[in-house]
Structures are given as C-alpha cells and as structure tokens.
Amino acid sequence: MKKLAFAGSALFMLASMLLSTSCNNQNASQPVANNANDSSALTIRYIDLDTITAQYNLVKDFNEVAIRTEANLRNAYTTKQREIQQQAQTIENKMRNHGYISEQMAQADYQRLQEQQQKAEAYLNNLQQKAQQEQLDQQFAVLDSINNFIADYIKSHPYDAILFKSAGIYMNPKLDITKEVVEGLNARYTKADNSKK
C-alpha cells in the first residue's frame, strides 16, 4: 500500500510551475533592466519549500487526514481479507466433513467465494483510488494557497524573482524569506473541519 504523505518531488514540480507563472504574471508589466548583465538591478529572494511544507498548518492538517485515510485503508483490507479467509475455511471444513451432498453444491460455494474476492478487490481498489485523488486534491490546494499568497505578497514586496532554495547551488541566507512566507500563510489559514474525513 502506497504511503499517503505528501510527495516532495511532485509537490516541488507543481509548485515550481505555479510560482513561476505567478511571478511572471506579476512582473510582466514591470520594466526590465536595459543591460542584461546588470544583475545589481535585480532583487531576488528565495523560499525553502521543504520548510514551508513542514511548518504550514494546512499541510499539517492534510497530513493528519492522510494518516487517518491510510489507517482506514489498512482496516478495510484486513476486514475483507478476514471475511474471505473465513468463507474459504467454511468451505474447506464442509469438504473435510463431507458436508456437500453434490459436487454442484461445492462448486456453487467456490463460485460465491470467487465473487466475494472480486467484490472485495474492486471495493479496495475504489478506496485506494479515492485516497489517491484526495491526496492530489490536497496537493493542489496547498500549491494554490502558496501561489495565491505569493501573488499578494509580491504586490507589497517588489522583487524581480522569488526562487526555490533547491534551484541553486548556493543561496545567501540574507535572501531567505521562508519564515516570512510561512508566517503569512499560517496567518491567512483558517482550519477546516476535517473531523468527518
């Protein structure tokens, strides 16, 4: 069974696309330095996505939901497996104790067992697909939230670029705005009622 925690690489790729789109849209109307070699005119900051996903309360809440979902999947798998094993044991006991009057009756029980196995497999696959879709929806919700925050943030902080820390070999710690972004995200976040999930 696949772990339902946030996939860092997928999150990074999606966030990269969203944030670069946001920054490009925000800066499309701003003038660019005439001299391409004049990097002193650029104001660049960076954020650490790993830190954001570790400290952003929305992600923490989604991770709690993912843990509950994974536990529910394990319980469902165990329950269905137990039901099938019990049915198989019943058939075996009947065979051992000559409980079948005819071969047709035994075949009918085996047929029902196979149908039960197929239904259990379909049920568990459906649960797994729903869990995966829920995880994707949560990832997009997180990325959308970060993207919206950066779009608002950039209006009052006229940076030419906000990069991911992982995008460079070295980043001057003075350019790190991760803490500020995390605080802003958490200040805007209102916890949803996930108790029913």
Protein backbone atom coordinates (compact mmCIF):
# COMPACT_ATOMS: atom_id res chain seq x y z
CA MET A 1 0.00 0.00 0.00
CA LYS A 2 1.44 3.35 -1.00
CA LYS A 3 2.19 5.88 1.71
CA LEU A 4 -0.17 8.84 1.54
CA ALA A 5 2.22 11.53 2.77
CA PHE A 6 2.96 14.46 0.51
CA ALA A 7 5.32 13.55 -2.30
CA GLY A 8 8.09 16.13 -2.15
CA SER A 9 9.25 15.88 -5.75
CA ALA A 10 5.73 16.12 -7.20
CA LEU A 11 4.95 18.99 -4.86
CA PHE A 12 8.15 20.75 -5.89
CA MET A 13 7.46 20.39 -9.60
CA LEU A 14 3.88 21.62 -9.32
CA ALA A 15 4.89 24.47 -7.04
CA SER A 16 7.64 25.46 -9.46
CA MET A 17 5.17 25.76 -12.29
CA LEU A 18 2.60 27.68 -10.24
CA LEU A 19 5.04 30.08 -8.62
CA SER A 20 6.96 30.79 -11.81
CA THR A 21 3.66 31.54 -13.56
CA SER A 22 2.62 33.82 -10.71
CA CYS A 23 5.90 35.73 -10.64
CA ASN A 24 5.93 36.03 -14.44
CA ASN A 25 2.40 37.42 -14.45
CA GLN A 26 3.16 39.87 -11.65
CA ASN A 27 6.32 41.15 -13.29
CA ALA A 28 5.08 41.23 -16.87
CA SER A 29 4.26 44.93 -16.60
CA GLN A 30 7.42 45.87 -14.68
CA PRO A 31 10.34 47.25 -16.67
CA VAL A 32 13.37 45.01 -17.08
CA ALA A 33 16.89 46.39 -16.73
CA ASN A 34 18.21 47.64 -20.09
CA ASN A 35 21.55 45.91 -19.65
CA ALA A 36 21.13 42.13 -19.35
CA ASN A 37 24.46 41.95 -17.49
CA ASP A 38 23.33 44.49 -14.87
CA SER A 39 22.36 41.99 -12.17
CA SER A 40 22.66 44.69 -9.48
CA ALA A 41 19.28 46.00 -10.62
CA LEU A 42 17.58 42.68 -9.76
CA THR A 43 16.07 41.96 -6.37
CA ILE A 44 15.87 38.25 -5.76
CA ARG A 45 14.66 36.28 -2.75
CA TYR A 46 14.19 32.57 -2.14
CA ILE A 47 11.99 30.20 -0.18
CA ASP A 48 12.62 26.69 1.10
CA LEU A 49 9.66 24.53 0.04
CA ASP A 50 10.58 21.73 2.46
CA THR A 51 10.39 24.15 5.38
CA ILE A 52 7.10 25.57 4.15
CA THR A 53 5.50 22.13 3.83
CA ALA A 54 6.83 21.16 7.27
CA GLN A 55 5.56 24.31 9.00
CA TYR A 56 2.44 25.33 7.06
CA ASN A 57 -0.60 24.41 9.14
CA LEU A 58 -2.68 23.49 6.09
CA VAL A 59 -0.13 20.81 5.17
CA LYS A 60 -0.06 19.56 8.77
CA ASP A 61 -3.85 19.21 8.74
CA PHE A 62 -3.81 17.42 5.39
CA ASN A 63 -1.12 15.05 6.69
CA GLU A 64 -3.38 14.18 9.63
CA VAL A 65 -6.19 13.40 7.17
CA ALA A 66 -3.76 11.27 5.12
CA ILE A 67 -2.77 9.28 8.22
CA ARG A 68 -6.44 8.59 9.03
CA THR A 69 -7.15 7.64 5.43
CA GLU A 70 -4.22 5.23 5.39
CA ALA A 71 -5.41 3.65 8.65
CA ASN A 72 -8.92 3.25 7.17
CA LEU A 73 -7.45 1.57 4.09
CA ARG A 74 -5.47 -0.86 6.23
CA ASN A 75 -8.56 -1.66 8.31
CA ALA A 76 -10.68 -2.22 5.20
CA TYR A 77 -8.03 -4.51 3.71
CA THR A 78 -7.78 -6.51 6.94
CA THR A 79 -11.56 -6.81 7.25
CA LYS A 80 -12.06 -8.01 3.68
CA GLN A 81 -9.15 -10.43 3.96
CA ARG A 82 -10.62 -11.89 7.17
CA GLU A 83 -14.08 -12.28 5.58
CA ILE A 84 -12.64 -14.16 2.61
CA GLN A 85 -10.46 -16.38 4.79
CA GLN A 86 -13.45 -17.27 6.97
CA GLN A 87 -15.53 -18.18 3.92
CA ALA A 88 -12.68 -20.27 2.49
CA GLN A 89 -12.29 -22.03 5.85
CA THR A 90 -16.02 -22.79 5.95
CA ILE A 91 -15.83 -24.39 2.50
CA GLU A 92 -12.76 -26.40 3.48
CA ASN A 93 -14.44 -27.65 6.66
CA LYS A 94 -17.53 -28.70 4.71
CA MET A 95 -15.34 -30.57 2.23
CA ARG A 96 -13.41 -32.32 5.03
CA ASN A 97 -16.60 -33.30 6.86
CA HIS A 98 -18.46 -34.41 3.72
CA GLY A 99 -20.91 -31.53 4.12
CA TYR A 100 -21.63 -31.29 0.40
CA ILE A 101 -24.32 -33.55 -0.99
CA SER A 102 -23.14 -32.98 -4.55
CA GLU A 103 -20.20 -31.57 -6.46
CA GLN A 104 -22.52 -28.85 -7.82
CA MET A 105 -23.10 -27.54 -4.29
CA ALA A 106 -19.36 -27.36 -3.66
CA GLN A 107 -18.83 -25.61 -7.00
CA ALA A 108 -21.57 -23.10 -6.14
CA ASP A 109 -19.79 -22.23 -2.86
CA TYR A 110 -16.46 -21.85 -4.67
CA GLN A 111 -18.16 -19.59 -7.21
CA ARG A 112 -19.57 -17.42 -4.40
CA LEU A 113 -16.11 -17.25 -2.84
CA GLN A 114 -14.59 -16.06 -6.11
CA GLU A 115 -17.32 -13.43 -6.48
CA GLN A 116 -16.68 -12.30 -2.91
CA GLN A 117 -12.96 -11.98 -3.69
CA GLN A 118 -13.66 -9.96 -6.84
CA LYS A 119 -16.04 -7.62 -5.00
CA ALA A 120 -13.52 -7.15 -2.20
CA GLU A 121 -10.78 -6.34 -4.71
CA ALA A 122 -12.99 -3.82 -6.53
CA TYR A 123 -14.02 -2.25 -3.22
CA LEU A 124 -10.41 -1.89 -2.03
CA ASN A 125 -9.27 -0.54 -5.42
CA ASN A 126 -12.05 2.04 -5.27
CA LEU A 127 -10.98 3.11 -1.77
CA GLN A 128 -7.35 3.36 -2.91
CA GLN A 129 -8.29 5.48 -5.94
CA LYS A 130 -10.37 7.82 -3.77
CA ALA A 131 -7.47 8.17 -1.35
CA GLN A 132 -5.06 8.99 -4.18
CA GLN A 133 -7.48 11.54 -5.63
CA GLU A 134 -7.90 13.11 -2.20
CA GLN A 135 -4.12 13.38 -1.90
CA LEU A 136 -3.85 15.06 -5.32
CA ASP A 137 -6.65 17.47 -4.42
CA GLN A 138 -4.84 18.34 -1.19
CA GLN A 139 -1.54 18.91 -3.01
CA PHE A 140 -3.23 21.26 -5.48
CA ALA A 141 -4.98 23.06 -2.60
CA VAL A 142 -1.62 23.62 -0.87
CA LEU A 143 0.06 24.81 -4.07
CA ASP A 144 -2.87 27.07 -4.91
CA SER A 145 -2.70 28.57 -1.42
CA ILE A 146 1.04 29.20 -1.70
CA ASN A 147 0.64 30.64 -5.19
CA ASN A 148 -2.16 32.99 -4.08
CA PHE A 149 -0.14 34.13 -1.09
CA ILE A 150 2.94 34.85 -3.24
CA ALA A 151 0.76 36.75 -5.74
CA ASP A 152 -0.46 39.02 -2.92
CA TYR A 153 2.93 39.14 -1.21
CA ILE A 154 4.74 40.32 -4.34
CA LYS A 155 2.43 43.35 -4.59
CA SER A 156 3.96 44.87 -1.47
CA HIS A 157 7.44 43.41 -1.98
CA PRO A 158 8.65 44.41 -5.44
CA TYR A 159 11.08 41.54 -6.01
CA ASP A 160 12.08 40.59 -9.54
CA ALA A 161 12.15 36.91 -8.66
CA ILE A 162 11.36 34.53 -5.83
CA LEU A 163 13.20 31.25 -6.29
CA PHE A 164 13.22 27.91 -4.57
CA LYS A 165 16.28 27.27 -2.43
CA SER A 166 16.78 23.97 -4.23
CA ALA A 167 17.07 25.83 -7.56
CA GLY A 168 20.62 26.96 -6.79
CA ILE A 169 23.88 25.54 -5.52
CA TYR A 170 24.36 28.42 -3.09
CA MET A 171 21.87 30.94 -1.76
CA ASN A 172 22.87 33.76 0.55
CA PRO A 173 20.87 33.26 3.79
CA LYS A 174 20.13 37.01 3.79
CA LEU A 175 17.85 36.44 0.79
CA ASP A 176 15.75 33.78 2.57
CA ILE A 177 12.13 34.88 3.07
CA THR A 178 10.83 31.42 4.03
CA LYS A 179 9.99 32.35 7.62
CA GLU A 180 8.06 35.40 6.49
CA VAL A 181 6.13 33.37 3.92
CA VAL A 182 5.30 30.61 6.43
CA GLU A 183 4.07 33.20 8.95
CA GLY A 184 1.96 34.86 6.27
CA LEU A 185 0.49 31.57 5.09
CA ASN A 186 -0.39 30.50 8.63
CA ALA A 187 -1.88 33.91 9.42
CA ARG A 188 -4.22 33.58 6.44
CA TYR A 189 -5.10 29.95 7.10
CA THR A 190 -8.37 29.02 8.75
CA LYS A 191 -8.53 25.40 9.81
CA ALA A 192 -11.21 23.40 8.02
CA ASP A 193 -13.34 20.82 9.80
CA ASN A 194 -11.69 17.58 8.73
CA SER A 195 -13.16 15.54 11.60
CA LYS A 196 -15.62 13.84 9.26
CA LYS A 197 -12.93 12.57 6.94
